[in-house]
Amino acid sequence: MQNIEVNKVLNAWPPMARMIYVPHTEEEYERLVIFLDSLTDEVGEDESHLLASLMEIVGVLIERYEEEHVPELTK
């Protein structure tokens, strides 16, 4: 029998999966950056905002993509 929490996620995930994903292409990366910008506009500096954790997660996904795909700038 599945955990109740997993069932909740199964119901909530399909519409969210279009916005929260590991980017594998530049297009996916750019869409994620736009989404992060929207989250930042909503959350601002309010660490207690309901979407603050989501903003952090999306930021980590973007950072990971950049580390793997964006060459570092030379000084």
PDB file of N, CA and C in Angstrom:
ATOM      1  N   MET A   1       0.841  -1.185   0.000  1.00  0.00           N
ATOM      2  CA  MET A   1       0.000   0.000   0.000  1.00  0.00           C
ATOM      3  C   MET A   1       0.885   1.246   0.000  1.00  0.00           C
ATOM      4  N   GLN A   2       0.505   2.195  -0.841  1.00  0.00           N
ATOM      5  CA  GLN A   2       1.322   3.402  -0.955  1.00  0.00           C
ATOM      6  C   GLN A   2       1.092   4.348   0.218  1.00  0.00           C
ATOM      7  N   ASN A   3       2.128   5.055   0.529  1.00  0.00           N
ATOM      8  CA  ASN A   3       2.090   6.059   1.565  1.00  0.00           C
ATOM      9  C   ASN A   3       1.101   7.155   1.177  1.00  0.00           C
ATOM     10  N   ILE A   4       0.374   7.689   2.146  1.00  0.00           N
ATOM     11  CA  ILE A   4      -0.597   8.763   1.889  1.00  0.00           C
ATOM     12  C   ILE A   4       0.090   9.966   1.270  1.00  0.00           C
ATOM     13  N   GLU A   5       1.295  10.289   1.733  1.00  0.00           N
ATOM     14  CA  GLU A   5       2.021  11.441   1.187  1.00  0.00           C
ATOM     15  C   GLU A   5       2.357  11.231  -0.287  1.00  0.00           C
ATOM     16  N   VAL A   6       2.738  10.018  -0.656  1.00  0.00           N
ATOM     17  CA  VAL A   6       3.040   9.716  -2.055  1.00  0.00           C
ATOM     18  C   VAL A   6       1.790   9.881  -2.899  1.00  0.00           C
ATOM     19  N   ASN A   7       0.656   9.465  -2.401  1.00  0.00           N
ATOM     20  CA  ASN A   7      -0.601   9.638  -3.127  1.00  0.00           C
ATOM     21  C   ASN A   7      -0.922  11.111  -3.347  1.00  0.00           C
ATOM     22  N   LYS A   8      -0.646  11.925  -2.359  1.00  0.00           N
ATOM     23  CA  LYS A   8      -0.867  13.373  -2.501  1.00  0.00           C
ATOM     24  C   LYS A   8       0.026  13.935  -3.612  1.00  0.00           C
ATOM     25  N   VAL A   9       1.276  13.500  -3.632  1.00  0.00           N
ATOM     26  CA  VAL A   9       2.209  13.969  -4.658  1.00  0.00           C
ATOM     27  C   VAL A   9       1.775  13.486  -6.040  1.00  0.00           C
ATOM     28  N   LEU A  10       1.335  12.244  -6.120  1.00  0.00           N
ATOM     29  CA  LEU A  10       0.865  11.714  -7.400  1.00  0.00           C
ATOM     30  C   LEU A  10      -0.268  12.558  -7.973  1.00  0.00           C
ATOM     31  N   ASN A  11      -1.122  13.057  -7.127  1.00  0.00           N
ATOM     32  CA  ASN A  11      -2.232  13.896  -7.577  1.00  0.00           C
ATOM     33  C   ASN A  11      -1.786  15.312  -7.931  1.00  0.00           C
ATOM     34  N   ALA A  12      -0.816  15.824  -7.210  1.00  0.00           N
ATOM     35  CA  ALA A  12      -0.389  17.204  -7.408  1.00  0.00           C
ATOM     36  C   ALA A  12       0.682  17.362  -8.485  1.00  0.00           C
ATOM     37  N   TRP A  13       1.461  16.322  -8.753  1.00  0.00           N
ATOM     38  CA  TRP A  13       2.630  16.440  -9.607  1.00  0.00           C
ATOM     39  C   TRP A  13       2.358  16.752 -11.079  1.00  0.00           C
ATOM     40  N   PRO A  14       1.410  16.118 -11.749  1.00  0.00           N
ATOM     41  CA  PRO A  14       1.266  16.336 -13.196  1.00  0.00           C
ATOM     42  C   PRO A  14       1.239  17.804 -13.637  1.00  0.00           C
ATOM     43  N   PRO A  15       0.446  18.680 -13.025  1.00  0.00           N
ATOM     44  CA  PRO A  15       0.503  20.077 -13.485  1.00  0.00           C
ATOM     45  C   PRO A  15       1.802  20.779 -13.096  1.00  0.00           C
ATOM     46  N   MET A  16       2.428  20.362 -12.008  1.00  0.00           N
ATOM     47  CA  MET A  16       3.671  20.997 -11.567  1.00  0.00           C
ATOM     48  C   MET A  16       4.867  20.558 -12.406  1.00  0.00           C
ATOM     49  N   ALA A  17       4.815  19.362 -12.969  1.00  0.00           N
ATOM     50  CA  ALA A  17       5.945  18.815 -13.726  1.00  0.00           C
ATOM     51  C   ALA A  17       6.282  19.663 -14.945  1.00  0.00           C
ATOM     52  N   ARG A  18       5.351  20.448 -15.416  1.00  0.00           N
ATOM     53  CA  ARG A  18       5.620  21.338 -16.551  1.00  0.00           C
ATOM     54  C   ARG A  18       6.472  22.538 -16.137  1.00  0.00           C
ATOM     55  N   MET A  19       6.565  22.794 -14.815  1.00  0.00           N
ATOM     56  CA  MET A  19       7.302  23.950 -14.321  1.00  0.00           C
ATOM     57  C   MET A  19       8.550  23.586 -13.525  1.00  0.00           C
ATOM     58  N   ILE A  20       8.579  22.379 -12.962  1.00  0.00           N
ATOM     59  CA  ILE A  20       9.696  21.968 -12.109  1.00  0.00           C
ATOM     60  C   ILE A  20      10.286  20.696 -12.686  1.00  0.00           C
ATOM     61  N   TYR A  21      11.498  20.795 -13.198  1.00  0.00           N
ATOM     62  CA  TYR A  21      12.140  19.654 -13.852  1.00  0.00           C
ATOM     63  C   TYR A  21      13.642  19.903 -13.907  1.00  0.00           C
ATOM     64  N   VAL A  22      14.394  18.867 -14.149  1.00  0.00           N
ATOM     65  CA  VAL A  22      15.833  18.997 -14.365  1.00  0.00           C
ATOM     66  C   VAL A  22      16.014  19.397 -15.828  1.00  0.00           C
ATOM     67  N   PRO A  23      16.585  20.578 -16.076  1.00  0.00           N
ATOM     68  CA  PRO A  23      16.744  21.005 -17.466  1.00  0.00           C
ATOM     69  C   PRO A  23      17.876  20.234 -18.162  1.00  0.00           C
ATOM     70  N   HIS A  24      17.586  19.803 -19.394  1.00  0.00           N
ATOM     71  CA  HIS A  24      18.583  19.081 -20.182  1.00  0.00           C
ATOM     72  C   HIS A  24      18.944  19.813 -21.464  1.00  0.00           C
ATOM     73  N   THR A  25      18.167  20.840 -21.804  1.00  0.00           N
ATOM     74  CA  THR A  25      18.443  21.623 -23.010  1.00  0.00           C
ATOM     75  C   THR A  25      18.476  23.099 -22.633  1.00  0.00           C
ATOM     76  N   GLU A  26      19.024  23.893 -23.529  1.00  0.00           N
ATOM     77  CA  GLU A  26      19.078  25.327 -23.272  1.00  0.00           C
ATOM     78  C   GLU A  26      17.662  25.917 -23.190  1.00  0.00           C
ATOM     79  N   GLU A  27      16.761  25.406 -24.011  1.00  0.00           N
ATOM     80  CA  GLU A  27      15.373  25.880 -23.979  1.00  0.00           C
ATOM     81  C   GLU A  27      14.723  25.583 -22.623  1.00  0.00           C
ATOM     82  N   GLU A  28      14.920  24.378 -22.107  1.00  0.00           N
ATOM     83  CA  GLU A  28      14.379  24.041 -20.790  1.00  0.00           C
ATOM     84  C   GLU A  28      15.001  24.919 -19.704  1.00  0.00           C
ATOM     85  N   TYR A  29      16.302  25.140 -19.821  1.00  0.00           N
ATOM     86  CA  TYR A  29      17.014  26.000 -18.876  1.00  0.00           C
ATOM     87  C   TYR A  29      16.417  27.407 -18.890  1.00  0.00           C
ATOM     88  N   GLU A  30      16.213  27.951 -20.075  1.00  0.00           N
ATOM     89  CA  GLU A  30      15.677  29.313 -20.185  1.00  0.00           C
ATOM     90  C   GLU A  30      14.266  29.414 -19.614  1.00  0.00           C
ATOM     91  N   ARG A  31      13.432  28.390 -19.839  1.00  0.00           N
ATOM     92  CA  ARG A  31      12.085  28.390 -19.262  1.00  0.00           C
ATOM     93  C   ARG A  31      12.152  28.350 -17.741  1.00  0.00           C
ATOM     94  N   LEU A  32      13.095  27.591 -17.219  1.00  0.00           N
ATOM     95  CA  LEU A  32      13.259  27.509 -15.771  1.00  0.00           C
ATOM     96  C   LEU A  32      13.724  28.845 -15.193  1.00  0.00           C
ATOM     97  N   VAL A  33      14.604  29.542 -15.904  1.00  0.00           N
ATOM     98  CA  VAL A  33      15.065  30.857 -15.450  1.00  0.00           C
ATOM     99  C   VAL A  33      13.890  31.840 -15.405  1.00  0.00           C
ATOM    100  N   ILE A  34      13.029  31.796 -16.405  1.00  0.00           N
ATOM    101  CA  ILE A  34      11.848  32.666 -16.419  1.00  0.00           C
ATOM    102  C   ILE A  34      10.937  32.344 -15.238  1.00  0.00           C
ATOM    103  N   PHE A  35      10.769  31.059 -14.965  1.00  0.00           N
ATOM    104  CA  PHE A  35       9.954  30.647 -13.822  1.00  0.00           C
ATOM    105  C   PHE A  35      10.575  31.138 -12.515  1.00  0.00           C
ATOM    106  N   LEU A  36      11.897  31.024 -12.381  1.00  0.00           N
ATOM    107  CA  LEU A  36      12.576  31.508 -11.176  1.00  0.00           C
ATOM    108  C   LEU A  36      12.385  33.015 -11.026  1.00  0.00           C
ATOM    109  N   ASP A  37      12.458  33.744 -12.116  1.00  0.00           N
ATOM    110  CA  ASP A  37      12.239  35.192 -12.053  1.00  0.00           C
ATOM    111  C   ASP A  37      10.843  35.509 -11.514  1.00  0.00           C
ATOM    112  N   SER A  38       9.854  34.758 -11.967  1.00  0.00           N
ATOM    113  CA  SER A  38       8.480  34.953 -11.485  1.00  0.00           C
ATOM    114  C   SER A  38       8.375  34.630  -9.997  1.00  0.00           C
ATOM    115  N   LEU A  39       9.017  33.549  -9.586  1.00  0.00           N
ATOM    116  CA  LEU A  39       9.011  33.192  -8.167  1.00  0.00           C
ATOM    117  C   LEU A  39       9.692  34.273  -7.329  1.00  0.00           C
ATOM    118  N   THR A  40      10.802  34.794  -7.825  1.00  0.00           N
ATOM    119  CA  THR A  40      11.533  35.839  -7.111  1.00  0.00           C
ATOM    120  C   THR A  40      10.677  37.092  -6.961  1.00  0.00           C
ATOM    121  N   ASP A  41       9.937  37.442  -8.030  1.00  0.00           N
ATOM    122  CA  ASP A  41       9.039  38.592  -7.947  1.00  0.00           C
ATOM    123  C   ASP A  41       7.981  38.381  -6.868  1.00  0.00           C
ATOM    124  N   GLU A  42       7.479  37.165  -6.759  1.00  0.00           N
ATOM    125  CA  GLU A  42       6.433  36.851  -5.776  1.00  0.00           C
ATOM    126  C   GLU A  42       6.990  36.757  -4.358  1.00  0.00           C
ATOM    127  N   VAL A  43       8.098  36.057  -4.185  1.00  0.00           N
ATOM    128  CA  VAL A  43       8.639  35.754  -2.858  1.00  0.00           C
ATOM    129  C   VAL A  43       9.486  36.888  -2.302  1.00  0.00           C
ATOM    130  N   GLY A  44      10.290  37.489  -3.161  1.00  0.00           N
ATOM    131  CA  GLY A  44      11.202  38.529  -2.702  1.00  0.00           C
ATOM    132  C   GLY A  44      12.190  37.964  -1.694  1.00  0.00           C
ATOM    133  N   GLU A  45      12.358  38.656  -0.591  1.00  0.00           N
ATOM    134  CA  GLU A  45      13.292  38.241   0.467  1.00  0.00           C
ATOM    135  C   GLU A  45      12.583  37.519   1.616  1.00  0.00           C
ATOM    136  N   ASP A  46      11.297  37.240   1.456  1.00  0.00           N
ATOM    137  CA  ASP A  46      10.497  36.651   2.534  1.00  0.00           C
ATOM    138  C   ASP A  46      10.760  35.150   2.647  1.00  0.00           C
ATOM    139  N   GLU A  47      11.667  34.775   3.532  1.00  0.00           N
ATOM    140  CA  GLU A  47      12.026  33.366   3.706  1.00  0.00           C
ATOM    141  C   GLU A  47      10.887  32.532   4.279  1.00  0.00           C
ATOM    142  N   SER A  48       9.859  33.161   4.821  1.00  0.00           N
ATOM    143  CA  SER A  48       8.725  32.423   5.364  1.00  0.00           C
ATOM    144  C   SER A  48       7.591  32.272   4.339  1.00  0.00           C
ATOM    145  N   HIS A  49       7.781  32.823   3.160  1.00  0.00           N
ATOM    146  CA  HIS A  49       6.765  32.713   2.101  1.00  0.00           C
ATOM    147  C   HIS A  49       6.572  31.243   1.738  1.00  0.00           C
ATOM    148  N   LEU A  50       5.340  30.864   1.427  1.00  0.00           N
ATOM    149  CA  LEU A  50       5.046  29.469   1.093  1.00  0.00           C
ATOM    150  C   LEU A  50       5.846  28.956  -0.103  1.00  0.00           C
ATOM    151  N   LEU A  51       6.230  29.846  -1.008  1.00  0.00           N
ATOM    152  CA  LEU A  51       6.962  29.428  -2.204  1.00  0.00           C
ATOM    153  C   LEU A  51       8.475  29.607  -2.083  1.00  0.00           C
ATOM    154  N   ALA A  52       8.963  30.012  -0.927  1.00  0.00           N
ATOM    155  CA  ALA A  52      10.402  30.244  -0.753  1.00  0.00           C
ATOM    156  C   ALA A  52      11.211  28.971  -0.997  1.00  0.00           C
ATOM    157  N   SER A  53      10.744  27.857  -0.495  1.00  0.00           N
ATOM    158  CA  SER A  53      11.458  26.591  -0.688  1.00  0.00           C
ATOM    159  C   SER A  53      11.466  26.190  -2.162  1.00  0.00           C
ATOM    160  N   LEU A  54      10.345  26.382  -2.835  1.00  0.00           N
ATOM    161  CA  LEU A  54      10.280  26.084  -4.266  1.00  0.00           C
ATOM    162  C   LEU A  54      11.260  26.965  -5.030  1.00  0.00           C
ATOM    163  N   MET A  55      11.355  28.228  -4.666  1.00  0.00           N
ATOM    164  CA  MET A  55      12.295  29.140  -5.310  1.00  0.00           C
ATOM    165  C   MET A  55      13.724  28.628  -5.140  1.00  0.00           C
ATOM    166  N   GLU A  56      14.044  28.134  -3.964  1.00  0.00           N
ATOM    167  CA  GLU A  56      15.379  27.603  -3.707  1.00  0.00           C
ATOM    168  C   GLU A  56      15.648  26.352  -4.543  1.00  0.00           C
ATOM    169  N   ILE A  57      14.669  25.475  -4.636  1.00  0.00           N
ATOM    170  CA  ILE A  57      14.815  24.248  -5.423  1.00  0.00           C
ATOM    171  C   ILE A  57      15.054  24.579  -6.897  1.00  0.00           C
ATOM    172  N   VAL A  58      14.262  25.485  -7.440  1.00  0.00           N
ATOM    173  CA  VAL A  58      14.430  25.874  -8.842  1.00  0.00           C
ATOM    174  C   VAL A  58      15.807  26.509  -9.049  1.00  0.00           C
ATOM    175  N   GLY A  59      16.247  27.301  -8.088  1.00  0.00           N
ATOM    176  CA  GLY A  59      17.582  27.899  -8.173  1.00  0.00           C
ATOM    177  C   GLY A  59      18.676  26.841  -8.208  1.00  0.00           C
ATOM    178  N   VAL A  60      18.526  25.794  -7.432  1.00  0.00           N
ATOM    179  CA  VAL A  60      19.507  24.701  -7.418  1.00  0.00           C
ATOM    180  C   VAL A  60      19.510  23.975  -8.766  1.00  0.00           C
ATOM    181  N   LEU A  61      18.352  23.755  -9.351  1.00  0.00           N
ATOM    182  CA  LEU A  61      18.272  23.104 -10.662  1.00  0.00           C
ATOM    183  C   LEU A  61      18.970  23.945 -11.727  1.00  0.00           C
ATOM    184  N   ILE A  62      18.771  25.249 -11.664  1.00  0.00           N
ATOM    185  CA  ILE A  62      19.424  26.155 -12.618  1.00  0.00           C
ATOM    186  C   ILE A  62      20.932  26.153 -12.400  1.00  0.00           C
ATOM    187  N   GLU A  63      21.343  26.231 -11.156  1.00  0.00           N
ATOM    188  CA  GLU A  63      22.769  26.234 -10.827  1.00  0.00           C
ATOM    189  C   GLU A  63      23.450  24.959 -11.328  1.00  0.00           C
ATOM    190  N   ARG A  64      22.799  23.845 -11.148  1.00  0.00           N
ATOM    191  CA  ARG A  64      23.353  22.563 -11.612  1.00  0.00           C
ATOM    192  C   ARG A  64      23.542  22.567 -13.124  1.00  0.00           C
ATOM    193  N   TYR A  65      22.538  23.062 -13.849  1.00  0.00           N
ATOM    194  CA  TYR A  65      22.641  23.127 -15.304  1.00  0.00           C
ATOM    195  C   TYR A  65      23.815  24.030 -15.703  1.00  0.00           C
ATOM    196  N   GLU A  66      23.915  25.180 -15.068  1.00  0.00           N
ATOM    197  CA  GLU A  66      24.988  26.123 -15.398  1.00  0.00           C
ATOM    198  C   GLU A  66      26.364  25.520 -15.127  1.00  0.00           C
ATOM    199  N   GLU A  67      26.513  24.798 -14.029  1.00  0.00           N
ATOM    200  CA  GLU A  67      27.794  24.174 -13.712  1.00  0.00           C
ATOM    201  C   GLU A  67      28.205  23.166 -14.780  1.00  0.00           C
ATOM    202  N   GLU A  68      27.227  22.499 -15.362  1.00  0.00           N
ATOM    203  CA  GLU A  68      27.519  21.458 -16.342  1.00  0.00           C
ATOM    204  C   GLU A  68      27.583  21.954 -17.786  1.00  0.00           C
ATOM    205  N   HIS A  69      26.903  23.064 -18.091  1.00  0.00           N
ATOM    206  CA  HIS A  69      26.762  23.467 -19.487  1.00  0.00           C
ATOM    207  C   HIS A  69      27.244  24.872 -19.850  1.00  0.00           C
ATOM    208  N   VAL A  70      27.429  25.727 -18.872  1.00  0.00           N
ATOM    209  CA  VAL A  70      27.821  27.107 -19.166  1.00  0.00           C
ATOM    210  C   VAL A  70      29.299  27.260 -18.846  1.00  0.00           C
ATOM    211  N   PRO A  71      30.094  27.593 -19.860  1.00  0.00           N
ATOM    212  CA  PRO A  71      31.525  27.755 -19.594  1.00  0.00           C
ATOM    213  C   PRO A  71      31.766  28.957 -18.670  1.00  0.00           C
ATOM    214  N   GLU A  72      32.765  28.817 -17.815  1.00  0.00           N
ATOM    215  CA  GLU A  72      33.089  29.900 -16.901  1.00  0.00           C
ATOM    216  C   GLU A  72      33.701  31.055 -17.665  1.00  0.00           C
ATOM    217  N   LEU A  73      33.405  32.244 -17.199  1.00  0.00           N
ATOM    218  CA  LEU A  73      33.967  33.436 -17.822  1.00  0.00           C
ATOM    219  C   LEU A  73      35.435  33.553 -17.424  1.00  0.00           C
ATOM    220  N   THR A  74      36.267  33.931 -18.361  1.00  0.00           N
ATOM    221  CA  THR A  74      37.676  34.131 -18.045  1.00  0.00           C
ATOM    222  C   THR A  74      37.854  35.542 -17.515  1.00  0.00           C
ATOM    223  N   LYS A  75      38.763  35.674 -16.572  1.00  0.00           N
ATOM    224  CA  LYS A  75      39.003  36.985 -15.958  1.00  0.00           C
ATOM    225  C   LYS A  75      40.006  37.775 -16.730  1.00  0.00           C
TER     226      LYS A  75
END
